[in-house]
C-alpha atoms as a PDB file:
ATOM      1  CA  MET A   1       0.000   0.000   0.000  1.00  0.00           C
ATOM      2  CA  GLY A   2       2.411   2.926   0.025  1.00  0.00           C
ATOM      3  CA  VAL A   3       5.950   3.759   0.670  1.00  0.00           C
ATOM      4  CA  ARG A   4       8.127   1.347   2.518  1.00  0.00           C
ATOM      5  CA  THR A   5       8.210   1.418   6.262  1.00  0.00           C
ATOM      6  CA  PHE A   6      11.154   1.966   8.152  1.00  0.00           C
ATOM      7  CA  LEU A   7      11.257   0.305  11.298  1.00  0.00           C
ATOM      8  CA  GLY A   8       9.286  -1.177  13.864  1.00  0.00           C
ATOM      9  CA  GLY A   9       8.207  -0.001  17.172  1.00  0.00           C
ATOM     10  CA  CYS A  10      10.608   2.267  18.870  1.00  0.00           C
ATOM     11  CA  VAL A  11      11.128   5.713  17.549  1.00  0.00           C
ATOM     12  CA  ILE A  12      11.879   7.213  14.345  1.00  0.00           C
ATOM     13  CA  THR A  13      14.054   5.347  12.451  1.00  0.00           C
ATOM     14  CA  ALA A  14      13.089   4.272  10.561  1.00  0.00           C
ATOM     15  CA  ALA A  15      13.989   3.583  14.197  1.00  0.00           C
ATOM     16  CA  ALA A  16      11.410   4.431  16.677  1.00  0.00           C
ATOM     17  CA  VAL A  17       9.340   3.606  19.615  1.00  0.00           C
ATOM     18  CA  ALA A  18       5.758   2.469  19.927  1.00  0.00           C
ATOM     19  CA  GLY A  19       3.982  -0.409  18.207  1.00  0.00           C
ATOM     20  CA  CYS A  20       3.348  -1.078  14.604  1.00  0.00           C
ATOM     21  CA  TYR A  21      -0.304  -1.966  14.524  1.00  0.00           C
ATOM     22  CA  THR A  22      -2.566   1.043  14.243  1.00  0.00           C
ATOM     23  CA  GLY A  23      -5.924  -0.386  13.374  1.00  0.00           C
ATOM     24  CA  ASP A  24      -8.404  -3.216  13.712  1.00  0.00           C
ATOM     25  CA  ASP A  25      -8.068  -5.645  10.844  1.00  0.00           C
ATOM     26  CA  VAL A  26      -5.663  -4.054   8.438  1.00  0.00           C
ATOM     27  CA  THR A  27      -2.082  -2.892   8.682  1.00  0.00           C
ATOM     28  CA  SER A  28       0.884  -2.960   6.354  1.00  0.00           C
ATOM     29  CA  THR A  29       4.581  -3.550   6.793  1.00  0.00           C
ATOM     30  CA  MET A  30       7.498  -5.828   6.820  1.00  0.00           C
ATOM     31  CA  THR A  31       8.018  -9.084   8.568  1.00  0.00           C
ATOM     32  CA  GLY A  32      10.488  -9.206  11.451  1.00  0.00           C
ATOM     33  CA  ARG A  33      12.478 -12.031  12.952  1.00  0.00           C
ATOM     34  CA  GLU A  34      11.226 -10.842  16.345  1.00  0.00           C
ATOM     35  CA  SER A  35       7.693 -11.487  15.034  1.00  0.00           C
ATOM     36  CA  ALA A  36       6.822  -7.828  14.742  1.00  0.00           C
ATOM     37  CA  ALA A  37       7.600  -5.139  12.244  1.00  0.00           C
ATOM     38  CA  PRO A  38       6.541  -1.639  11.381  1.00  0.00           C
ATOM     39  CA  ALA A  39       4.092  -1.025   8.692  1.00  0.00           C
ATOM     40  CA  THR A  40       5.855  -0.644   5.439  1.00  0.00           C
ATOM     41  CA  ARG A  41       5.548  -1.169   1.829  1.00  0.00           C
ATOM     42  CA  VAL A  42       8.214  -2.898  -0.174  1.00  0.00           C
ATOM     43  CA  GLU A  43       8.379  -1.394  -3.598  1.00  0.00           C
ATOM     44  CA  GLY A  44       9.036  -3.512  -6.624  1.00  0.00           C
ATOM     45  CA  THR A  45       7.766  -6.811  -5.197  1.00  0.00           C
ATOM     46  CA  LEU A  46       5.466  -8.939  -7.242  1.00  0.00           C
ATOM     47  CA  PRO A  47       2.560 -10.981  -5.849  1.00  0.00           C
ATOM     48  CA  SER A  48       3.182 -14.821  -5.640  1.00  0.00           C
ATOM     49  CA  ALA A  49       1.722 -17.014  -2.905  1.00  0.00           C
ATOM     50  CA  PHE A  50      -1.466 -15.071  -3.532  1.00  0.00           C
ATOM     51  CA  SER A  51      -4.271 -17.392  -4.561  1.00  0.00           C
ATOM     52  CA  GLY A  52      -7.705 -16.891  -6.047  1.00  0.00           C
ATOM     53  CA  LEU A  53      -7.205 -13.148  -6.573  1.00  0.00           C
ATOM     54  CA  PRO A  54      -7.103 -11.079  -9.789  1.00  0.00           C
ATOM     55  CA  CYS A  55      -3.466 -10.271 -10.581  1.00  0.00           C
ATOM     56  CA  ASP A  56      -3.907  -6.491 -10.302  1.00  0.00           C
ATOM     57  CA  VAL A  57      -5.353  -6.923  -6.811  1.00  0.00           C
ATOM     58  CA  ALA A  58      -2.566  -9.334  -5.862  1.00  0.00           C
ATOM     59  CA  GLN A  59       0.030  -6.837  -7.097  1.00  0.00           C
ATOM     60  CA  VAL A  60      -1.328  -4.073  -4.856  1.00  0.00           C
ATOM     61  CA  LEU A  61      -1.389  -6.406  -1.874  1.00  0.00           C
ATOM     62  CA  ALA A  62       2.171  -7.566  -2.534  1.00  0.00           C
ATOM     63  CA  THR A  63       3.475  -4.034  -2.873  1.00  0.00           C
ATOM     64  CA  ARG A  64       1.507  -2.337  -0.114  1.00  0.00           C
ATOM     65  CA  CYS A  65       0.306  -4.892   2.408  1.00  0.00           C
ATOM     66  CA  ALA A  66       2.156  -8.206   2.417  1.00  0.00           C
ATOM     67  CA  GLY A  67       5.004  -6.886   4.557  1.00  0.00           C
ATOM     68  CA  CYS A  68       2.716  -7.123   7.608  1.00  0.00           C
ATOM     69  CA  HIS A  69      -0.252  -9.073   6.247  1.00  0.00           C
ATOM     70  CA  GLY A  70       1.833 -11.925   4.855  1.00  0.00           C
ATOM     71  CA  PRO A  71       1.364 -15.682   5.358  1.00  0.00           C
ATOM     72  CA  THR A  72       2.437 -15.146   8.973  1.00  0.00           C
ATOM     73  CA  PRO A  73       1.110 -11.695   9.993  1.00  0.00           C
ATOM     74  CA  SER A  74       3.689  -9.430  11.634  1.00  0.00           C
ATOM     75  CA  GLY A  75       4.056  -5.936  13.027  1.00  0.00           C
ATOM     76  CA  GLY A  76       0.830  -6.274  14.999  1.00  0.00           C
ATOM     77  CA  ALA A  77      -1.301  -7.083  11.959  1.00  0.00           C
ATOM     78  CA  PRO A  78      -4.244  -9.285  13.075  1.00  0.00           C
ATOM     79  CA  ASN A  79      -4.739 -11.136   9.822  1.00  0.00           C
ATOM     80  CA  ALA A  80      -3.138 -12.373   6.608  1.00  0.00           C
ATOM     81  CA  MET A  81      -4.248 -10.823   3.301  1.00  0.00           C
ATOM     82  CA  MET A  82      -2.927 -13.335   0.792  1.00  0.00           C
ATOM     83  CA  THR A  83      -5.862 -15.353  -0.504  1.00  0.00           C
ATOM     84  CA  TYR A  84      -9.345 -14.842  -1.873  1.00  0.00           C
ATOM     85  CA  ASP A  85     -10.898 -16.486   1.191  1.00  0.00           C
ATOM     86  CA  GLN A  86      -8.932 -14.232   3.546  1.00  0.00           C
ATOM     87  CA  LEU A  87      -9.903 -11.043   1.737  1.00  0.00           C
ATOM     88  CA  THR A  88     -13.570 -11.933   1.486  1.00  0.00           C
ATOM     89  CA  SER A  89     -13.973 -13.221   5.047  1.00  0.00           C
ATOM     90  CA  ALA A  90     -15.782 -11.095   7.645  1.00  0.00           C
ATOM     91  CA  SER A  91     -13.750  -8.656   9.692  1.00  0.00           C
ATOM     92  CA  SER A  92     -13.465  -9.648  13.353  1.00  0.00           C
ATOM     93  CA  SER A  93     -13.923  -6.037  14.444  1.00  0.00           C
ATOM     94  CA  VAL A  94     -16.667  -5.131  11.950  1.00  0.00           C
ATOM     95  CA  PRO A  95     -18.511  -8.406  11.177  1.00  0.00           C
ATOM     96  CA  SER A  96     -20.794  -6.672   8.697  1.00  0.00           C
ATOM     97  CA  SER A  97     -17.801  -5.879   6.456  1.00  0.00           C
ATOM     98  CA  SER A  98     -15.279  -8.110   4.724  1.00  0.00           C
ATOM     99  CA  ILE A  99     -11.537  -7.661   5.221  1.00  0.00           C
ATOM    100  CA  ALA A 100     -11.384  -6.221   1.681  1.00  0.00           C
ATOM    101  CA  GLU A 101     -14.154  -3.694   2.370  1.00  0.00           C
ATOM    102  CA  LEU A 102     -12.518  -2.619   5.605  1.00  0.00           C
ATOM    103  CA  SER A 103      -9.209  -2.307   3.766  1.00  0.00           C
ATOM    104  CA  VAL A 104     -10.720   0.200   1.356  1.00  0.00           C
ATOM    105  CA  ALA A 105     -12.036   2.228   4.284  1.00  0.00           C
ATOM    106  CA  ARG A 106      -8.634   2.215   5.984  1.00  0.00           C
ATOM    107  CA  MET A 107      -6.864   3.202   2.765  1.00  0.00           C
ATOM    108  CA  GLN A 108      -9.060   6.303   2.679  1.00  0.00           C
ATOM    109  CA  ASP A 109      -8.805   7.108   6.396  1.00  0.00           C
ATOM    110  CA  ALA A 110      -6.881  10.390   6.525  1.00  0.00           C
ATOM    111  CA  LYS A 111      -6.348  10.204  10.288  1.00  0.00           C
ATOM    112  CA  ASN A 112      -5.296   6.566  10.646  1.00  0.00           C
ATOM    113  CA  PRO A 113      -4.525   5.220   7.168  1.00  0.00           C
ATOM    114  CA  MET A 114      -3.261   1.886   6.018  1.00  0.00           C
ATOM    115  CA  PRO A 115      -0.553   1.804   5.009  1.00  0.00           C
ATOM    116  CA  PRO A 116       0.567   4.432   7.574  1.00  0.00           C
ATOM    117  CA  ASP A 117       2.293   6.573   4.954  1.00  0.00           C
ATOM    118  CA  GLY A 118      -0.662   6.452   2.591  1.00  0.00           C
ATOM    119  CA  THR A 119      -1.242   4.895  -0.791  1.00  0.00           C
ATOM    120  CA  THR A 120      -1.628   6.013  -4.377  1.00  0.00           C
ATOM    121  CA  ALA A 121      -4.925   6.858  -6.051  1.00  0.00           C
ATOM    122  CA  GLU A 122      -4.190   4.166  -8.632  1.00  0.00           C
ATOM    123  CA  ASP A 123      -3.738   1.393  -6.084  1.00  0.00           C
ATOM    124  CA  LEU A 124      -6.776   2.508  -4.119  1.00  0.00           C
ATOM    125  CA  ALA A 125      -8.824   2.462  -7.323  1.00  0.00           C
ATOM    126  CA  VAL A 126      -7.781  -1.147  -8.039  1.00  0.00           C
ATOM    127  CA  ILE A 127      -9.090  -2.393  -4.693  1.00  0.00           C
ATOM    128  CA  GLN A 128     -12.195  -0.171  -4.836  1.00  0.00           C
ATOM    129  CA  LYS A 129     -13.108  -1.411  -8.305  1.00  0.00           C
ATOM    130  CA  TRP A 130     -12.656  -5.039  -7.280  1.00  0.00           C
ATOM    131  CA  VAL A 131     -14.818  -4.654  -4.164  1.00  0.00           C
ATOM    132  CA  ALA A 132     -17.505  -2.732  -6.093  1.00  0.00           C
ATOM    133  CA  ALA A 133     -17.610  -5.540  -8.669  1.00  0.00           C
ATOM    134  CA  GLY A 134     -18.501  -8.033  -5.937  1.00  0.00           C
ATOM    135  CA  MET A 135     -14.938  -9.266  -5.352  1.00  0.00           C
ATOM    136  CA  PRO A 136     -14.722 -11.756  -8.234  1.00  0.00           C
ATOM    137  CA  SER A 137     -12.082 -14.448  -7.905  1.00  0.00           C
ATOM    138  CA  GLY A 138      -9.104 -14.621 -10.268  1.00  0.00           C
ATOM    139  CA  ASP A 139      -8.618 -17.547 -12.635  1.00  0.00           C
ATOM    140  CA  VAL A 140      -5.020 -16.868 -13.654  1.00  0.00           C
ATOM    141  CA  ALA A 141      -1.938 -17.783 -11.631  1.00  0.00           C
ATOM    142  CA  CYS A 142      -0.038 -14.622 -10.774  1.00  0.00           C
ATOM    143  CA  ASP A 143       3.751 -14.740 -10.912  1.00  0.00           C
ATOM    144  CA  ALA A 144       4.765 -12.889  -7.794  1.00  0.00           C
ATOM    145  CA  THR A 145       6.623 -12.929  -4.519  1.00  0.00           C
ATOM    146  CA  PRO A 146       5.164 -11.618  -1.268  1.00  0.00           C
ATOM    147  CA  ALA A 147       7.034  -8.824   0.480  1.00  0.00           C
ATOM    148  CA  SER A 148       7.522 -10.673   3.727  1.00  0.00           C
ATOM    149  CA  SER A 149      11.239 -11.370   4.100  1.00  0.00           C
ATOM    150  CA  ILE A 150      12.834  -7.957   4.561  1.00  0.00           C
ATOM    151  CA  TYR A 151      13.732  -8.722   8.165  1.00  0.00           C
ATOM    152  CA  ASP A 152      14.492 -12.395   7.624  1.00  0.00           C
ATOM    153  CA  THR A 153      18.177 -11.770   6.929  1.00  0.00           C
ATOM    154  CA  ASP A 154      21.514 -12.591   8.543  1.00  0.00           C
ATOM    155  CA  SER A 155      23.522 -10.084  10.550  1.00  0.00           C
ATOM    156  CA  VAL A 156      26.062  -8.340   8.350  1.00  0.00           C
ATOM    157  CA  CYS A 157      28.039  -5.100   8.296  1.00  0.00           C
ATOM    158  CA  THR A 158      27.030  -3.924   4.826  1.00  0.00           C
ATOM    159  CA  SER A 159      29.424  -0.964   4.768  1.00  0.00           C
ATOM    160  CA  ALA A 160      32.366  -3.190   5.826  1.00  0.00           C
ATOM    161  CA  LYS A 161      33.526  -0.210   7.888  1.00  0.00           C
ATOM    162  CA  GLN A 162      33.744  -0.184  11.683  1.00  0.00           C
ATOM    163  CA  TRP A 163      34.039   2.592  14.239  1.00  0.00           C
ATOM    164  CA  THR A 164      37.540   2.290  15.679  1.00  0.00           C
ATOM    165  CA  HIS A 165      36.548   3.715  19.088  1.00  0.00           C
ATOM    166  CA  GLY A 166      38.584   6.786  18.327  1.00  0.00           C
ATOM    167  CA  ASP A 167      37.404  10.402  17.839  1.00  0.00           C
ATOM    168  CA  ARG A 168      35.139  10.279  20.888  1.00  0.00           C
ATOM    169  CA  GLY A 169      33.962  13.816  20.287  1.00  0.00           C
ATOM    170  CA  SER A 170      32.985  13.016  16.724  1.00  0.00           C
ATOM    171  CA  SER A 171      29.490  12.742  15.256  1.00  0.00           C
ATOM    172  CA  LEU A 172      30.745   9.553  13.584  1.00  0.00           C
ATOM    173  CA  MET A 173      31.126   7.722  16.872  1.00  0.00           C
ATOM    174  CA  ARG A 174      29.173   4.685  18.056  1.00  0.00           C
ATOM    175  CA  PRO A 175      26.973   3.937  15.020  1.00  0.00           C
ATOM    176  CA  GLY A 176      24.201   1.591  16.111  1.00  0.00           C
ATOM    177  CA  GLY A 177      24.511   2.540  19.773  1.00  0.00           C
ATOM    178  CA  ALA A 178      21.805   4.244  21.858  1.00  0.00           C
ATOM    179  CA  CYS A 179      22.884   7.868  21.401  1.00  0.00           C
ATOM    180  CA  ASN A 180      20.675   9.610  23.952  1.00  0.00           C
ATOM    181  CA  GLN A 181      21.380   7.027  26.631  1.00  0.00           C
ATOM    182  CA  CYS A 182      24.857   8.546  26.899  1.00  0.00           C
ATOM    183  CA  HIS A 183      24.128  12.085  25.794  1.00  0.00           C
ATOM    184  CA  ASP A 184      21.376  12.548  28.375  1.00  0.00           C
ATOM    185  CA  GLN A 185      23.965  11.837  31.054  1.00  0.00           C
ATOM    186  CA  GLY A 186      25.973  14.840  29.980  1.00  0.00           C
ATOM    187  CA  GLN A 187      28.398  12.871  27.815  1.00  0.00           C
ATOM    188  CA  GLY A 188      27.537  14.842  24.687  1.00  0.00           C
ATOM    189  CA  PRO A 189      25.141  17.390  23.204  1.00  0.00           C
ATOM    190  CA  SER A 190      21.454  16.865  23.897  1.00  0.00           C
ATOM    191  CA  TYR A 191      19.311  15.546  21.034  1.00  0.00           C
ATOM    192  CA  SER A 192      15.541  15.312  20.763  1.00  0.00           C
ATOM    193  CA  ALA A 193      16.027  12.326  18.435  1.00  0.00           C
ATOM    194  CA  ALA A 194      19.062  10.456  17.140  1.00  0.00           C
ATOM    195  CA  GLY A 195      19.991   7.118  15.617  1.00  0.00           C
ATOM    196  CA  THR A 196      21.642   5.304  12.725  1.00  0.00           C
ATOM    197  CA  VAL A 197      20.224   4.303   9.341  1.00  0.00           C
ATOM    198  CA  TYR A 198      21.345   0.976   7.877  1.00  0.00           C
ATOM    199  CA  ALA A 199      20.993  -0.813   4.548  1.00  0.00           C
ATOM    200  CA  THR A 200      19.669  -4.021   6.109  1.00  0.00           C
ATOM    201  CA  ALA A 201      17.730  -5.048   9.206  1.00  0.00           C
ATOM    202  CA  HIS A 202      20.386  -6.746  11.313  1.00  0.00           C
ATOM    203  CA  GLU A 203      23.726  -4.956  11.486  1.00  0.00           C
ATOM    204  CA  PRO A 204      26.112  -4.969  14.496  1.00  0.00           C
ATOM    205  CA  ASP A 205      26.943  -2.077  16.788  1.00  0.00           C
ATOM    206  CA  ASP A 206      29.932   0.017  15.705  1.00  0.00           C
ATOM    207  CA  CYS A 207      29.312  -0.886  12.052  1.00  0.00           C
ATOM    208  CA  ASN A 208      28.962   2.241   9.929  1.00  0.00           C
ATOM    209  CA  GLY A 209      25.505   2.624   8.418  1.00  0.00           C
ATOM    210  CA  SER A 210      24.310   4.004   5.102  1.00  0.00           C
ATOM    211  CA  SER A 211      26.017   7.229   4.071  1.00  0.00           C
ATOM    212  CA  SER A 212      24.292   8.347   0.876  1.00  0.00           C
ATOM    213  CA  ALA A 213      24.106  12.130   0.564  1.00  0.00           C
ATOM    214  CA  ALA A 214      20.517  11.729  -0.638  1.00  0.00           C
ATOM    215  CA  LEU A 215      19.441   9.893   2.520  1.00  0.00           C
ATOM    216  CA  LYS A 216      17.632  11.845   5.213  1.00  0.00           C
ATOM    217  CA  VAL A 217      15.327  11.285   8.165  1.00  0.00           C
ATOM    218  CA  VAL A 218      12.145  13.353   8.400  1.00  0.00           C
ATOM    219  CA  ILE A 219      10.228  13.860  11.644  1.00  0.00           C
ATOM    220  CA  THR A 220       6.798  15.463  11.877  1.00  0.00           C
ATOM    221  CA  GLY A 221       5.708  16.521  15.340  1.00  0.00           C
ATOM    222  CA  ALA A 222       2.209  16.411  16.801  1.00  0.00           C
ATOM    223  CA  ASP A 223       1.966  20.116  15.934  1.00  0.00           C
ATOM    224  CA  GLY A 224       2.422  19.347  12.215  1.00  0.00           C
ATOM    225  CA  VAL A 225       5.912  20.853  12.083  1.00  0.00           C
ATOM    226  CA  SER A 226       8.381  18.783  10.047  1.00  0.00           C
ATOM    227  CA  GLN A 227      12.158  18.842  10.211  1.00  0.00           C
ATOM    228  CA  SER A 228      14.779  16.729   8.514  1.00  0.00           C
ATOM    229  CA  ALA A 229      18.320  15.562   9.144  1.00  0.00           C
ATOM    230  CA  THR A 230      20.786  14.189   6.610  1.00  0.00           C
ATOM    231  CA  VAL A 231      22.740  11.094   7.679  1.00  0.00           C
ATOM    232  CA  ASN A 232      26.492  11.505   8.013  1.00  0.00           C
ATOM    233  CA  ALA A 233      29.362   9.289   6.872  1.00  0.00           C
ATOM    234  CA  ALA A 234      28.634   6.787   9.653  1.00  0.00           C
ATOM    235  CA  GLY A 235      24.901   6.708   8.905  1.00  0.00           C
ATOM    236  CA  ASN A 236      24.136   8.671  12.076  1.00  0.00           C
ATOM    237  CA  PHE A 237      21.453  11.372  12.273  1.00  0.00           C
ATOM    238  CA  PHE A 238      20.614  13.916  14.969  1.00  0.00           C
ATOM    239  CA  PHE A 239      17.798  16.343  15.779  1.00  0.00           C
ATOM    240  CA  GLY A 240      18.649  19.151  18.182  1.00  0.00           C
ATOM    241  CA  SER A 241      15.452  21.194  17.921  1.00  0.00           C
ATOM    242  CA  ALA A 242      12.473  20.397  20.131  1.00  0.00           C
ATOM    243  CA  ILE A 243       9.926  17.945  18.722  1.00  0.00           C
ATOM    244  CA  LYS A 244       6.272  17.990  19.748  1.00  0.00           C
ATOM    245  CA  MET A 245       5.387  14.516  20.990  1.00  0.00           C
ATOM    246  CA  PRO A 246       4.106  12.164  19.766  1.00  0.00           C
ATOM    247  CA  TYR A 247       5.690  12.397  16.347  1.00  0.00           C
ATOM    248  CA  LYS A 248       5.909  10.423  13.111  1.00  0.00           C
ATOM    249  CA  ALA A 249       9.109   9.604  11.287  1.00  0.00           C
ATOM    250  CA  LYS A 250      10.368   8.280   7.985  1.00  0.00           C
ATOM    251  CA  VAL A 251      13.603   7.732   6.104  1.00  0.00           C
ATOM    252  CA  VAL A 252      13.650   9.319   2.656  1.00  0.00           C
ATOM    253  CA  SER A 253      15.907   8.799  -0.344  1.00  0.00           C
ATOM    254  CA  GLY A 254      14.817  10.626  -3.464  1.00  0.00           C
ATOM    255  CA  SER A 255      11.294   9.519  -4.334  1.00  0.00           C
ATOM    256  CA  LYS A 256      11.444   6.506  -2.006  1.00  0.00           C
ATOM    257  CA  SER A 257      10.653   6.438   1.689  1.00  0.00           C
ATOM    258  CA  ARG A 258      10.242   4.054   4.607  1.00  0.00           C
ATOM    259  CA  ALA A 259       7.902   5.277   7.338  1.00  0.00           C
ATOM    260  CA  MET A 260       7.125   4.279  10.919  1.00  0.00           C
ATOM    261  CA  SER A 261       3.608   2.946  11.317  1.00  0.00           C
ATOM    262  CA  GLY A 262       2.632   4.825  14.459  1.00  0.00           C
ATOM    263  CA  ALA A 263       3.387   7.984  16.390  1.00  0.00           C
ATOM    264  CA  GLN A 264       6.494   7.825  18.571  1.00  0.00           C
ATOM    265  CA  THR A 265       7.364   9.249  21.973  1.00  0.00           C
ATOM    266  CA  ASP A 266      11.027   8.277  22.432  1.00  0.00           C
ATOM    267  CA  GLY A 267      13.789   9.877  20.421  1.00  0.00           C
ATOM    268  CA  ASP A 268      16.547   7.398  21.253  1.00  0.00           C
ATOM    269  CA  CYS A 269      16.010   5.381  18.081  1.00  0.00           C
ATOM    270  CA  ASN A 270      18.837   2.867  18.413  1.00  0.00           C
ATOM    271  CA  LYS A 271      17.679   1.933  21.902  1.00  0.00           C
ATOM    272  CA  CYS A 272      14.884  -0.064  20.294  1.00  0.00           C
ATOM    273  CA  HIS A 273      16.288  -0.499  16.811  1.00  0.00           C
ATOM    274  CA  THR A 274      19.105  -2.781  17.847  1.00  0.00           C
ATOM    275  CA  GLU A 275      20.824  -5.445  15.763  1.00  0.00           C
ATOM    276  CA  SER A 276      18.166  -8.042  16.622  1.00  0.00           C
ATOM    277  CA  GLY A 277      15.332  -5.636  17.444  1.00  0.00           C
ATOM    278  CA  LEU A 278      13.341  -5.237  20.629  1.00  0.00           C
ATOM    279  CA  LYS A 279      10.383  -7.590  20.877  1.00  0.00           C
ATOM    280  CA  SER A 280       8.709  -5.654  23.708  1.00  0.00           C
ATOM    281  CA  LYS A 281       8.499  -2.596  21.443  1.00  0.00           C
ATOM    282  CA  LYS A 282       7.614  -4.570  18.305  1.00  0.00           C
ATOM    283  CA  THR A 283      10.849  -3.416  16.681  1.00  0.00           C
ATOM    284  CA  PRO A 284      12.179  -6.000  14.196  1.00  0.00           C
ATOM    285  CA  GLY A 285      15.659  -4.624  13.716  1.00  0.00           C
ATOM    286  CA  ARG A 286      17.580  -1.575  12.552  1.00  0.00           C
ATOM    287  CA  VAL A 287      16.262   1.653  11.092  1.00  0.00           C
ATOM    288  CA  MET A 288      16.503   0.887   7.375  1.00  0.00           C
ATOM    289  CA  ALA A 289      16.949   2.986   4.281  1.00  0.00           C
ATOM    290  CA  PRO A 290      14.174   2.631   1.658  1.00  0.00           C
END
């Protein structure tokens, strides 16, 4: 359903704090090895493992929803959205509506949309048209792959560069570590939010993260004010200005983005977005670039 999602349950980050699930029967995001992930869309994935559905409908589900609503729901999603029977079954929260009908309503919900970062008019129209037509089944096998394995990866230092524990006053120090945990104790400048953006979900502490000049983290406070920070050579990002809590966050690179599914209240992103994630906060792993 929309842009990719960045992390899971802690704070921005594509790192961030809070849970992933933000609605009754429909959510969207990636699968996490800790069994929870943030709502996210994985662009470019095709729909396979989808059965009984028209291919255009399967494609939208694969691109926008399967990250959370895959064969094994993750990120707090209450149900899978992979087959004709699943989509046409009654919603547990609104028995008078099918999962597909409720999905259309959530895709149009400006206050609490699914996916959290919105969807395109074209994708919404595909699902609307199918529901309006009485949800006919598909009779052609769709060649596709569900977007459900983003977090099912091994630990690796993608950059192949490590912090040497030198330059302790440097903004390049301790990539992957909980920045504010130290800074709030007077061991560095105070940040309202800080963390590290990585290329993959499970990368070790002290491994440098993504360093593309086009990569930035955008935070929008509860007051509607947005501010952005560009990642540095170690993949670290920092926000010094006050942020109105709770806030939403996303990682942006050109036209692509990965957004947190819910509003966050903790700015120490890496505290939850650790190498393996934090199950109690529904965080599946690192803050990831789109």
